[in-house]
């Protein structure tokens, strides 16, 4: 019995320097992937975010909803169109996407409130937070998909100052006030830069960054900035991980101290990554950040 209690105490002691180091710092959590479709995992992710808030962090959740959008587009009997493997977002699809994303947003807000923390859900349209222009795919039109031009951080700053946990839906305006869907990774990265976040955390369906994608034992726990650049330039990173790592590099280039990529399917992955020496995913660290993992 006492051994179990001692182990729990050791876990808290291991977390202490991280709590001290990142107290009162902004942490942006990009929430997506399979962790959004599993009720149990969803609750654990929200518990993690609430705990961060209660120990003094300033979390902001930026969520996706691609799988849910696809489900409702299919239910509506709409015929999907693709360009370069990307779904074309026409006006009817955009209407469904905004409806679904707002529903997801308020579900997350409700869960946070149930756990005793005040939360407000907003979209990038609120307060003119996310300004975009039309995004093209290899020069081809893919519809109402936006590329972020600028972020107005004041709505988020005001919410945090008033002790709310913001939950952001990745939708924005262009200069004509037309509505555009935004890739949630891009939205999280842009918000992290604008808020000068200490940490940007991506929840995905992969464990992190592998030195050799074919070797599952080659997971990189800490990836210093110079090694990140070399890894990208080497051509070893392909597929969906490449744009994610380019977003990570962009975030660090613009003042974010650490970027974490982790498997959102692991229960309480955020706490395991942030509050333990080794973590469970990949921590990409800027040149001036101190390293914790000594293994």
Protein backbone atom coordinates (compact mmCIF):
# COMPACT_ATOMS: atom_id res chain seq x y z
CA UNK A 1 0.00 0.00 0.00
CA UNK A 2 2.68 2.52 1.01
CA UNK A 3 4.75 1.63 -2.06
CA UNK A 4 1.90 2.71 -4.32
CA UNK A 5 1.51 5.97 -2.42
CA UNK A 6 5.26 6.61 -2.61
CA UNK A 7 5.17 6.05 -6.38
CA UNK A 8 2.38 8.63 -6.66
CA UNK A 9 4.46 11.08 -4.63
CA UNK A 10 7.45 10.46 -6.91
CA UNK A 11 5.31 11.29 -9.94
CA UNK A 12 4.30 14.59 -8.34
CA UNK A 13 7.92 15.40 -7.48
CA UNK A 14 8.97 14.70 -11.07
CA UNK A 15 6.25 17.09 -12.27
CA UNK A 16 7.26 19.90 -9.89
CA UNK A 17 10.08 21.51 -11.94
CA UNK A 18 7.85 21.54 -15.02
CA UNK A 19 5.03 23.22 -13.09
CA UNK A 20 7.49 25.82 -11.77
CA UNK A 21 9.09 26.35 -15.20
CA UNK A 22 5.87 26.83 -17.17
CA UNK A 23 3.62 28.44 -14.55
CA UNK A 24 1.64 31.34 -16.05
CA UNK A 25 2.83 30.44 -19.54
CA UNK A 26 0.54 30.06 -22.57
CA UNK A 27 0.18 26.52 -23.89
CA UNK A 28 -1.67 25.95 -27.19
CA UNK A 29 -3.15 22.46 -27.62
CA UNK A 30 -4.10 21.37 -31.12
CA UNK A 31 -6.75 18.73 -30.53
CA UNK A 32 -7.60 16.39 -33.40
CA UNK A 33 -7.33 12.88 -34.78
CA UNK A 34 -8.80 9.75 -33.24
CA UNK A 35 -8.70 11.27 -29.74
CA UNK A 36 -11.71 13.36 -30.78
CA UNK A 37 -13.87 10.40 -31.80
CA UNK A 38 -13.36 8.23 -28.70
CA UNK A 39 -15.51 9.39 -25.76
CA UNK A 40 -13.12 8.08 -23.11
CA UNK A 41 -10.05 9.68 -24.74
CA UNK A 42 -11.96 12.92 -25.25
CA UNK A 43 -12.69 13.14 -21.54
CA UNK A 44 -9.04 12.43 -20.67
CA UNK A 45 -7.76 15.13 -23.04
CA UNK A 46 -10.11 17.66 -21.47
CA UNK A 47 -9.08 16.53 -17.98
CA UNK A 48 -5.45 17.14 -18.95
CA UNK A 49 -6.23 20.65 -20.22
CA UNK A 50 -8.23 21.44 -17.07
CA UNK A 51 -5.38 20.22 -14.84
CA UNK A 52 -2.92 22.44 -16.72
CA UNK A 53 -5.23 25.38 -16.05
CA UNK A 54 -5.59 24.55 -12.36
CA UNK A 55 -1.81 24.28 -11.75
CA UNK A 56 -1.19 27.70 -13.29
CA UNK A 57 -0.73 27.18 -17.02
CA UNK A 58 -2.72 29.22 -19.56
CA UNK A 59 -4.06 26.62 -22.01
CA UNK A 60 -5.81 27.38 -25.29
CA UNK A 61 -7.47 24.51 -27.18
CA UNK A 62 -7.65 24.67 -30.98
CA UNK A 63 -9.71 21.79 -32.31
CA UNK A 64 -10.30 20.13 -35.63
CA UNK A 65 -13.24 18.02 -36.73
CA UNK A 66 -12.37 16.59 -40.12
CA UNK A 67 -13.71 13.10 -39.46
CA UNK A 68 -16.99 14.45 -38.10
CA UNK A 69 -17.33 16.82 -41.08
CA UNK A 70 -16.77 13.94 -43.51
CA UNK A 71 -19.45 11.92 -41.71
CA UNK A 72 -22.05 14.66 -41.99
CA UNK A 73 -21.19 15.47 -45.61
CA UNK A 74 -21.78 11.81 -46.41
CA UNK A 75 -25.04 11.77 -44.42
CA UNK A 76 -26.23 14.77 -46.44
CA UNK A 77 -25.83 12.77 -49.63
CA UNK A 78 -23.33 15.21 -51.11
CA UNK A 79 -20.86 13.99 -53.70
CA UNK A 80 -17.31 14.87 -52.58
CA UNK A 81 -14.85 16.37 -55.06
CA UNK A 82 -11.09 16.20 -54.62
CA UNK A 83 -8.13 18.14 -56.02
CA UNK A 84 -4.63 16.76 -55.37
CA UNK A 85 -6.11 14.46 -52.74
CA UNK A 86 -7.77 17.35 -50.84
CA UNK A 87 -11.53 17.70 -50.46
CA UNK A 88 -12.92 20.75 -52.26
CA UNK A 89 -14.88 22.89 -49.81
CA UNK A 90 -17.77 24.39 -51.76
CA UNK A 91 -20.47 26.54 -50.14
CA UNK A 92 -22.76 23.66 -49.05
CA UNK A 93 -19.76 21.80 -47.61
CA UNK A 94 -18.65 24.96 -45.80
CA UNK A 95 -22.10 25.29 -44.22
CA UNK A 96 -21.88 21.74 -42.92
CA UNK A 97 -18.27 22.22 -41.76
CA UNK A 98 -19.11 25.34 -39.76
CA UNK A 99 -22.17 23.69 -38.22
CA UNK A 100 -20.19 20.59 -37.20
CA UNK A 101 -17.19 22.55 -35.89
CA UNK A 102 -19.44 24.78 -33.77
CA UNK A 103 -21.16 21.68 -32.37
CA UNK A 104 -17.78 20.14 -31.49
CA UNK A 105 -16.70 23.45 -29.96
CA UNK A 106 -19.64 23.71 -27.60
CA UNK A 107 -19.33 20.03 -26.63
CA UNK A 108 -15.76 20.67 -25.48
CA UNK A 109 -16.80 23.83 -23.62
CA UNK A 110 -19.51 21.87 -21.80
CA UNK A 111 -17.03 19.19 -20.75
CA UNK A 112 -14.61 21.81 -19.38
CA UNK A 113 -17.39 23.55 -17.46
CA UNK A 114 -18.49 20.22 -15.97
CA UNK A 115 -14.97 19.85 -14.55
CA UNK A 116 -15.19 23.14 -12.70
CA UNK A 117 -13.27 25.47 -15.02
CA UNK A 118 -14.90 28.33 -16.91
CA UNK A 119 -14.53 28.12 -20.69
CA UNK A 120 -15.68 30.09 -23.72
CA UNK A 121 -15.75 28.71 -27.25
CA UNK A 122 -15.08 31.07 -30.14
CA UNK A 123 -14.35 30.79 -33.83
CA UNK A 124 -11.70 32.67 -35.76
CA UNK A 125 -14.48 34.95 -37.00
CA UNK A 126 -15.17 36.27 -33.50
CA UNK A 127 -13.42 39.56 -32.86
CA UNK A 128 -11.79 39.30 -36.30
CA UNK A 129 -9.33 36.84 -34.80
CA UNK A 130 -8.29 34.90 -37.92
CA UNK A 131 -7.92 36.79 -41.20
CA UNK A 132 -7.35 34.64 -44.30
CA UNK A 133 -7.08 34.52 -48.06
CA UNK A 134 -8.05 31.68 -50.37
CA UNK A 135 -5.60 28.78 -50.22
CA UNK A 136 -4.63 26.98 -53.41
CA UNK A 137 -3.30 23.45 -53.82
CA UNK A 138 -0.46 23.44 -56.35
CA UNK A 139 -2.09 26.43 -57.99
CA UNK A 140 -5.55 24.80 -58.13
CA UNK A 141 -8.71 26.05 -56.48
CA UNK A 142 -9.94 23.89 -53.56
CA UNK A 143 -12.83 26.13 -52.59
CA UNK A 144 -13.41 27.85 -49.27
CA UNK A 145 -10.16 26.82 -47.60
CA UNK A 146 -8.24 29.66 -46.00
CA UNK A 147 -4.57 30.51 -45.56
CA UNK A 148 -4.02 32.69 -42.47
CA UNK A 149 -2.69 36.19 -43.13
CA UNK A 150 -2.81 37.56 -39.60
CA UNK A 151 -4.13 36.87 -36.12
CA UNK A 152 -5.77 39.35 -33.76
CA UNK A 153 -4.80 37.90 -30.36
CA UNK A 154 -6.86 40.34 -28.26
CA UNK A 155 -9.99 38.14 -27.89
CA UNK A 156 -7.81 35.31 -26.53
CA UNK A 157 -5.79 37.67 -24.33
CA UNK A 158 -9.00 39.07 -22.83
CA UNK A 159 -10.46 35.61 -22.17
CA UNK A 160 -7.27 34.39 -20.46
CA UNK A 161 -7.01 37.59 -18.42
CA UNK A 162 -10.54 36.92 -17.16
CA UNK A 163 -9.66 33.34 -16.19
CA UNK A 164 -11.41 31.50 -19.04
CA UNK A 165 -10.05 28.52 -20.94
CA UNK A 166 -10.58 29.41 -24.63
CA UNK A 167 -11.66 26.75 -27.15
CA UNK A 168 -11.08 27.86 -30.75
CA UNK A 169 -12.93 26.66 -33.85
CA UNK A 170 -10.71 26.98 -36.99
CA UNK A 171 -12.91 29.14 -39.21
CA UNK A 172 -12.04 32.65 -40.41
CA UNK A 173 -12.90 35.59 -42.68
CA UNK A 174 -11.26 36.97 -45.80
CA UNK A 175 -11.18 40.67 -46.67
CA UNK A 176 -14.74 40.43 -48.05
CA UNK A 177 -15.96 38.73 -44.84
CA UNK A 178 -16.57 35.45 -46.65
CA UNK A 179 -16.21 32.40 -44.40
CA UNK A 180 -13.31 29.96 -44.88
CA UNK A 181 -12.40 26.67 -43.26
CA UNK A 182 -8.83 26.55 -41.90
CA UNK A 183 -6.58 23.58 -41.31
CA UNK A 184 -6.51 23.16 -37.52
CA UNK A 185 -2.73 22.62 -37.47
CA UNK A 186 -2.25 25.93 -39.28
CA UNK A 187 -4.67 27.71 -36.94
CA UNK A 188 -2.93 26.36 -33.83
CA UNK A 189 0.48 27.36 -35.15
CA UNK A 190 -0.66 30.90 -36.05
CA UNK A 191 -2.34 31.36 -32.65
CA UNK A 192 0.72 30.07 -30.80
CA UNK A 193 2.89 32.60 -32.64
CA UNK A 194 0.50 35.49 -32.03
CA UNK A 195 0.18 34.61 -28.32
CA UNK A 196 3.94 34.04 -27.92
CA UNK A 197 3.11 30.64 -26.45
CA UNK A 198 5.70 28.77 -24.44
CA UNK A 199 4.42 25.46 -25.77
CA UNK A 200 2.50 24.25 -28.82
CA UNK A 201 1.19 20.70 -28.53
CA UNK A 202 -0.11 18.58 -31.42
CA UNK A 203 -2.30 15.58 -30.63
CA UNK A 204 -2.15 13.23 -33.61
CA UNK A 205 -2.48 9.57 -34.55
CA UNK A 206 1.28 8.96 -34.55
CA UNK A 207 3.66 8.61 -31.55
CA UNK A 208 5.91 11.46 -32.70
CA UNK A 209 8.85 11.91 -35.06
CA UNK A 210 10.94 8.87 -36.02
CA UNK A 211 14.53 9.16 -37.16
CA UNK A 212 13.76 6.23 -39.46
CA UNK A 213 10.03 5.97 -40.35
CA UNK A 214 10.46 2.23 -40.90
CA UNK A 215 11.96 1.66 -37.43
CA UNK A 216 9.39 2.05 -34.66
CA UNK A 217 12.22 2.02 -32.09
CA UNK A 218 13.72 5.21 -33.51
CA UNK A 219 11.28 7.65 -31.88
CA UNK A 220 13.02 10.96 -31.12
CA UNK A 221 12.12 12.18 -27.62
CA UNK A 222 13.94 15.52 -27.82
CA UNK A 223 14.68 17.17 -31.14
CA UNK A 224 16.78 20.36 -30.91
CA UNK A 225 16.06 23.02 -33.53
CA UNK A 226 19.28 22.46 -35.50
CA UNK A 227 18.55 18.72 -35.75
CA UNK A 228 14.97 19.48 -36.84
CA UNK A 229 16.25 21.61 -39.71
CA UNK A 230 18.75 18.95 -40.74
CA UNK A 231 16.08 16.25 -40.59
CA UNK A 232 13.74 18.25 -42.84
CA UNK A 233 16.54 19.06 -45.30
CA UNK A 234 17.63 15.41 -45.46
CA UNK A 235 14.37 14.37 -47.15
CA UNK A 236 13.82 11.64 -44.54
CA UNK A 237 10.47 13.16 -43.53
CA UNK A 238 7.62 12.52 -45.95
CA UNK A 239 3.82 12.33 -46.04
CA UNK A 240 1.66 14.21 -43.56
CA UNK A 241 4.51 14.62 -41.07
CA UNK A 242 6.42 17.02 -43.34
CA UNK A 243 3.87 19.89 -43.30
CA UNK A 244 3.44 19.36 -39.55
CA UNK A 245 7.20 19.70 -38.97
CA UNK A 246 7.36 22.75 -41.22
CA UNK A 247 4.61 24.27 -39.04
CA UNK A 248 6.65 23.38 -35.95
CA UNK A 249 9.73 25.07 -37.41
CA UNK A 250 7.69 28.15 -38.29
CA UNK A 251 6.30 28.33 -34.75
CA UNK A 252 9.77 28.13 -33.19
CA UNK A 253 11.12 30.67 -35.68
CA UNK A 254 8.44 33.03 -34.38
CA UNK A 255 9.05 32.74 -30.65
CA UNK A 256 7.42 29.49 -29.48
CA UNK A 257 9.84 27.79 -27.08
CA UNK A 258 8.77 24.14 -27.44
CA UNK A 259 6.56 22.14 -29.78
CA UNK A 260 5.31 18.68 -28.81
CA UNK A 261 3.99 16.00 -31.18
CA UNK A 262 2.33 13.06 -29.45
CA UNK A 263 -0.13 10.23 -29.90
CA UNK A 264 -3.52 11.46 -28.76
CA UNK A 265 -4.73 7.87 -28.46
CA UNK A 266 -2.59 7.36 -25.33
CA UNK A 267 -4.60 8.11 -22.16
CA UNK A 268 -3.53 11.41 -20.53
CA UNK A 269 -0.88 11.91 -23.20
CA UNK A 270 -0.57 15.65 -22.49
CA UNK A 271 0.33 15.14 -18.83
CA UNK A 272 2.74 12.31 -19.67
CA UNK A 273 4.49 14.44 -22.26
CA UNK A 274 4.69 17.70 -20.33
CA UNK A 275 5.24 16.51 -16.75
CA UNK A 276 7.78 13.69 -17.15
CA UNK A 277 11.48 13.82 -18.00
CA UNK A 278 11.36 11.58 -21.05
CA UNK A 279 7.80 12.16 -22.16
CA UNK A 280 5.95 9.94 -24.62
CA UNK A 281 6.22 11.91 -27.86
CA UNK A 282 8.66 14.23 -29.58
CA UNK A 283 9.57 17.58 -28.01
CA UNK A 284 11.06 20.01 -30.52
CA UNK A 285 12.97 22.69 -28.64
CA UNK A 286 14.27 26.09 -29.67
CA UNK A 287 17.94 26.98 -29.53
CA UNK A 288 17.65 28.83 -26.23
CA UNK A 289 15.50 26.26 -24.38
CA UNK A 290 17.01 24.13 -21.68
CA UNK A 291 16.83 20.35 -22.06
CA UNK A 292 15.32 18.13 -19.39
CA UNK A 293 15.60 14.61 -20.73
CA UNK A 294 18.96 13.16 -19.73
CA UNK A 295 18.44 9.62 -21.04
